[in-house]
Amino acid sequence: MSNSFPKSQRLCGQLRIRELYASGNKFTAWPLRVSFAPATDTQVLIWAPKSLFKHAVDRNRLRRQMREAWRLNAQPLLNAQQQYSVAINYMDHQHQAYAVIEKAMRKVIKKLSDENATA
């Protein structure tokens, strides 16, 4: 299996994103906040807010780390029966080490997989 993160796995479009935030379920795996809703295929939106990190280089680094953690650990979700649209927001005011972000991302993927098993 390839651990790539192609364009088809990225959540795009204002309408789809608004629907996800309006009607999706939410949970927190510190320092990540996750919104998710059932969809036809698994797509993810990774976001680090400008209100918390004023410098673009800081936001870009956090997004790069979150994308890497997703890319390496998302295979159980991509192969599951139930697919989701997922938005992952970074909430902490400080930078966390990659190990912390990856551990939180594993929790997110496990929770979504458990959600998939019960659905």
C-alpha atoms as a PDB file:
ATOM      1  CA  MET A   1       0.000   0.000   0.000  1.00  0.00           C
ATOM      2  CA  SER A   2       1.166   3.472  -0.847  1.00  0.00           C
ATOM      3  CA  ASN A   3       1.413   6.041   1.945  1.00  0.00           C
ATOM      4  CA  SER A   4       0.829   8.969  -0.376  1.00  0.00           C
ATOM      5  CA  PHE A   5      -1.455  11.957   0.176  1.00  0.00           C
ATOM      6  CA  PRO A   6      -2.955  12.653  -3.263  1.00  0.00           C
ATOM      7  CA  LYS A   7      -5.262  15.497  -4.224  1.00  0.00           C
ATOM      8  CA  SER A   8      -8.243  13.111  -4.124  1.00  0.00           C
ATOM      9  CA  GLN A   9      -7.809  12.776  -0.325  1.00  0.00           C
ATOM     10  CA  ARG A  10      -7.827  16.547   0.293  1.00  0.00           C
ATOM     11  CA  LEU A  11     -11.095  18.178   1.262  1.00  0.00           C
ATOM     12  CA  CYS A  12     -11.727  21.189  -0.969  1.00  0.00           C
ATOM     13  CA  GLY A  13     -14.645  23.473  -1.673  1.00  0.00           C
ATOM     14  CA  GLN A  14     -16.322  25.992   0.619  1.00  0.00           C
ATOM     15  CA  LEU A  15     -19.714  24.295   0.437  1.00  0.00           C
ATOM     16  CA  ARG A  16     -18.405  20.888   1.534  1.00  0.00           C
ATOM     17  CA  ILE A  17     -16.339  22.458   4.311  1.00  0.00           C
ATOM     18  CA  ARG A  18     -19.285  24.535   5.603  1.00  0.00           C
ATOM     19  CA  GLU A  19     -21.524  21.453   5.609  1.00  0.00           C
ATOM     20  CA  LEU A  20     -18.892  19.498   7.509  1.00  0.00           C
ATOM     21  CA  TYR A  21     -18.559  22.132  10.243  1.00  0.00           C
ATOM     22  CA  ALA A  22     -22.322  22.727  10.428  1.00  0.00           C
ATOM     23  CA  SER A  23     -23.559  19.143  10.591  1.00  0.00           C
ATOM     24  CA  GLY A  24     -20.516  17.040  11.483  1.00  0.00           C
ATOM     25  CA  ASN A  25     -19.656  15.428  14.795  1.00  0.00           C
ATOM     26  CA  LYS A  26     -16.748  16.808  16.806  1.00  0.00           C
ATOM     27  CA  PHE A  27     -14.207  15.521  19.305  1.00  0.00           C
ATOM     28  CA  THR A  28     -10.796  16.519  20.656  1.00  0.00           C
ATOM     29  CA  ALA A  29      -7.518  14.615  20.809  1.00  0.00           C
ATOM     30  CA  TRP A  30      -5.264  17.296  22.266  1.00  0.00           C
ATOM     31  CA  PRO A  31      -3.787  19.338  20.526  1.00  0.00           C
ATOM     32  CA  LEU A  32      -6.125  18.470  17.624  1.00  0.00           C
ATOM     33  CA  ARG A  33      -9.833  19.221  17.238  1.00  0.00           C
ATOM     34  CA  VAL A  34     -11.637  17.002  14.741  1.00  0.00           C
ATOM     35  CA  SER A  35     -14.911  17.456  12.874  1.00  0.00           C
ATOM     36  CA  PHE A  36     -16.156  14.561  10.773  1.00  0.00           C
ATOM     37  CA  ALA A  37     -19.192  13.502   8.785  1.00  0.00           C
ATOM     38  CA  PRO A  38     -20.022  10.490   6.597  1.00  0.00           C
ATOM     39  CA  ALA A  39     -19.076  10.954   2.941  1.00  0.00           C
ATOM     40  CA  THR A  40     -18.634   9.014  -0.275  1.00  0.00           C
ATOM     41  CA  ASP A  41     -14.841   8.935   0.065  1.00  0.00           C
ATOM     42  CA  THR A  42     -12.384   9.822   2.817  1.00  0.00           C
ATOM     43  CA  GLN A  43     -11.087  13.364   2.490  1.00  0.00           C
ATOM     44  CA  VAL A  44      -9.244  15.466   5.048  1.00  0.00           C
ATOM     45  CA  LEU A  45      -8.728  19.168   5.691  1.00  0.00           C
ATOM     46  CA  ILE A  46      -5.666  20.111   7.774  1.00  0.00           C
ATOM     47  CA  TRP A  47      -5.728  23.554   9.367  1.00  0.00           C
ATOM     48  CA  ALA A  48      -3.505  25.684  11.628  1.00  0.00           C
ATOM     49  CA  PRO A  49      -5.180  29.012  12.483  1.00  0.00           C
ATOM     50  CA  LYS A  50      -3.636  32.384  11.770  1.00  0.00           C
ATOM     51  CA  SER A  51      -5.104  33.697  15.016  1.00  0.00           C
ATOM     52  CA  LEU A  52      -2.765  31.388  16.983  1.00  0.00           C
ATOM     53  CA  PHE A  53       0.311  31.507  14.730  1.00  0.00           C
ATOM     54  CA  LYS A  54       0.945  34.868  13.085  1.00  0.00           C
ATOM     55  CA  HIS A  55       3.934  33.730  11.006  1.00  0.00           C
ATOM     56  CA  ALA A  56       3.184  31.681   7.906  1.00  0.00           C
ATOM     57  CA  VAL A  57       6.311  29.591   8.432  1.00  0.00           C
ATOM     58  CA  ASP A  58       4.894  28.379  11.780  1.00  0.00           C
ATOM     59  CA  ARG A  59       1.509  27.472  10.282  1.00  0.00           C
ATOM     60  CA  ASN A  60       3.154  25.726   7.336  1.00  0.00           C
ATOM     61  CA  ARG A  61       5.332  23.635   9.622  1.00  0.00           C
ATOM     62  CA  LEU A  62       2.366  22.522  11.722  1.00  0.00           C
ATOM     63  CA  ARG A  63       0.323  21.644   8.638  1.00  0.00           C
ATOM     64  CA  ARG A  64       3.262  19.726   7.177  1.00  0.00           C
ATOM     65  CA  GLN A  65       3.666  17.741  10.413  1.00  0.00           C
ATOM     66  CA  MET A  66      -0.071  16.972  10.619  1.00  0.00           C
ATOM     67  CA  ARG A  67      -0.187  15.899   6.950  1.00  0.00           C
ATOM     68  CA  GLU A  68       2.796  13.615   7.506  1.00  0.00           C
ATOM     69  CA  ALA A  69       1.199  12.023  10.579  1.00  0.00           C
ATOM     70  CA  TRP A  70      -2.067  11.523   8.641  1.00  0.00           C
ATOM     71  CA  ARG A  71      -0.291  10.127   5.592  1.00  0.00           C
ATOM     72  CA  LEU A  72       1.642   7.534   7.594  1.00  0.00           C
ATOM     73  CA  ASN A  73      -1.281   6.364   9.759  1.00  0.00           C
ATOM     74  CA  ALA A  74      -4.495   6.750   7.723  1.00  0.00           C
ATOM     75  CA  GLN A  75      -4.548   3.360   5.951  1.00  0.00           C
ATOM     76  CA  PRO A  76      -7.200   1.803   8.274  1.00  0.00           C
ATOM     77  CA  LEU A  77      -9.608   4.633   7.422  1.00  0.00           C
ATOM     78  CA  LEU A  78      -8.903   4.606   3.703  1.00  0.00           C
ATOM     79  CA  ASN A  79      -9.669   0.868   3.502  1.00  0.00           C
ATOM     80  CA  ALA A  80     -12.782   0.993   5.717  1.00  0.00           C
ATOM     81  CA  GLN A  81     -16.370   0.470   4.564  1.00  0.00           C
ATOM     82  CA  GLN A  82     -17.630   3.815   5.912  1.00  0.00           C
ATOM     83  CA  GLN A  83     -15.828   6.853   4.514  1.00  0.00           C
ATOM     84  CA  TYR A  84     -15.615  10.282   6.180  1.00  0.00           C
ATOM     85  CA  SER A  85     -14.946  13.912   5.459  1.00  0.00           C
ATOM     86  CA  VAL A  86     -12.580  15.026   8.210  1.00  0.00           C
ATOM     87  CA  ALA A  87     -11.367  18.468   9.311  1.00  0.00           C
ATOM     88  CA  ILE A  88      -8.405  18.515  11.692  1.00  0.00           C
ATOM     89  CA  ASN A  89      -7.635  21.807  13.457  1.00  0.00           C
ATOM     90  CA  TYR A  90      -4.558  22.521  15.556  1.00  0.00           C
ATOM     91  CA  MET A  91      -5.701  24.160  18.831  1.00  0.00           C
ATOM     92  CA  ASP A  92      -2.631  24.601  21.041  1.00  0.00           C
ATOM     93  CA  HIS A  93      -1.022  28.037  21.389  1.00  0.00           C
ATOM     94  CA  GLN A  94       2.464  26.500  21.321  1.00  0.00           C
ATOM     95  CA  HIS A  95       4.318  24.282  18.904  1.00  0.00           C
ATOM     96  CA  GLN A  96       4.307  20.632  19.910  1.00  0.00           C
ATOM     97  CA  ALA A  97       6.904  18.061  18.946  1.00  0.00           C
ATOM     98  CA  TYR A  98       6.113  15.831  15.987  1.00  0.00           C
ATOM     99  CA  ALA A  99       5.815  12.834  18.343  1.00  0.00           C
ATOM    100  CA  VAL A 100       2.952  14.564  20.205  1.00  0.00           C
ATOM    101  CA  ILE A 101       1.171  15.425  16.958  1.00  0.00           C
ATOM    102  CA  GLU A 102       1.573  11.886  15.629  1.00  0.00           C
ATOM    103  CA  LYS A 103       0.273  10.368  18.870  1.00  0.00           C
ATOM    104  CA  ALA A 104      -2.792  12.633  18.714  1.00  0.00           C
ATOM    105  CA  MET A 105      -3.314  11.756  15.033  1.00  0.00           C
ATOM    106  CA  ARG A 106      -3.224   8.046  15.893  1.00  0.00           C
ATOM    107  CA  LYS A 107      -5.931   8.692  18.511  1.00  0.00           C
ATOM    108  CA  VAL A 108      -7.993  10.517  15.883  1.00  0.00           C
ATOM    109  CA  ILE A 109      -7.684   7.676  13.388  1.00  0.00           C
ATOM    110  CA  LYS A 110      -8.452   5.058  16.046  1.00  0.00           C
ATOM    111  CA  LYS A 111     -11.564   6.977  17.154  1.00  0.00           C
ATOM    112  CA  LEU A 112     -12.751   7.294  13.553  1.00  0.00           C
ATOM    113  CA  SER A 113     -12.077   3.582  12.974  1.00  0.00           C
ATOM    114  CA  ASP A 114     -14.086   2.729  16.108  1.00  0.00           C
ATOM    115  CA  GLU A 115     -16.844   5.009  14.847  1.00  0.00           C
ATOM    116  CA  ASN A 116     -16.695   3.083  11.582  1.00  0.00           C
ATOM    117  CA  ALA A 117     -16.983  -0.268  13.390  1.00  0.00           C
ATOM    118  CA  THR A 118     -20.145   0.828  15.219  1.00  0.00           C
ATOM    119  CA  ALA A 119     -21.774   2.305  12.104  1.00  0.00           C
END
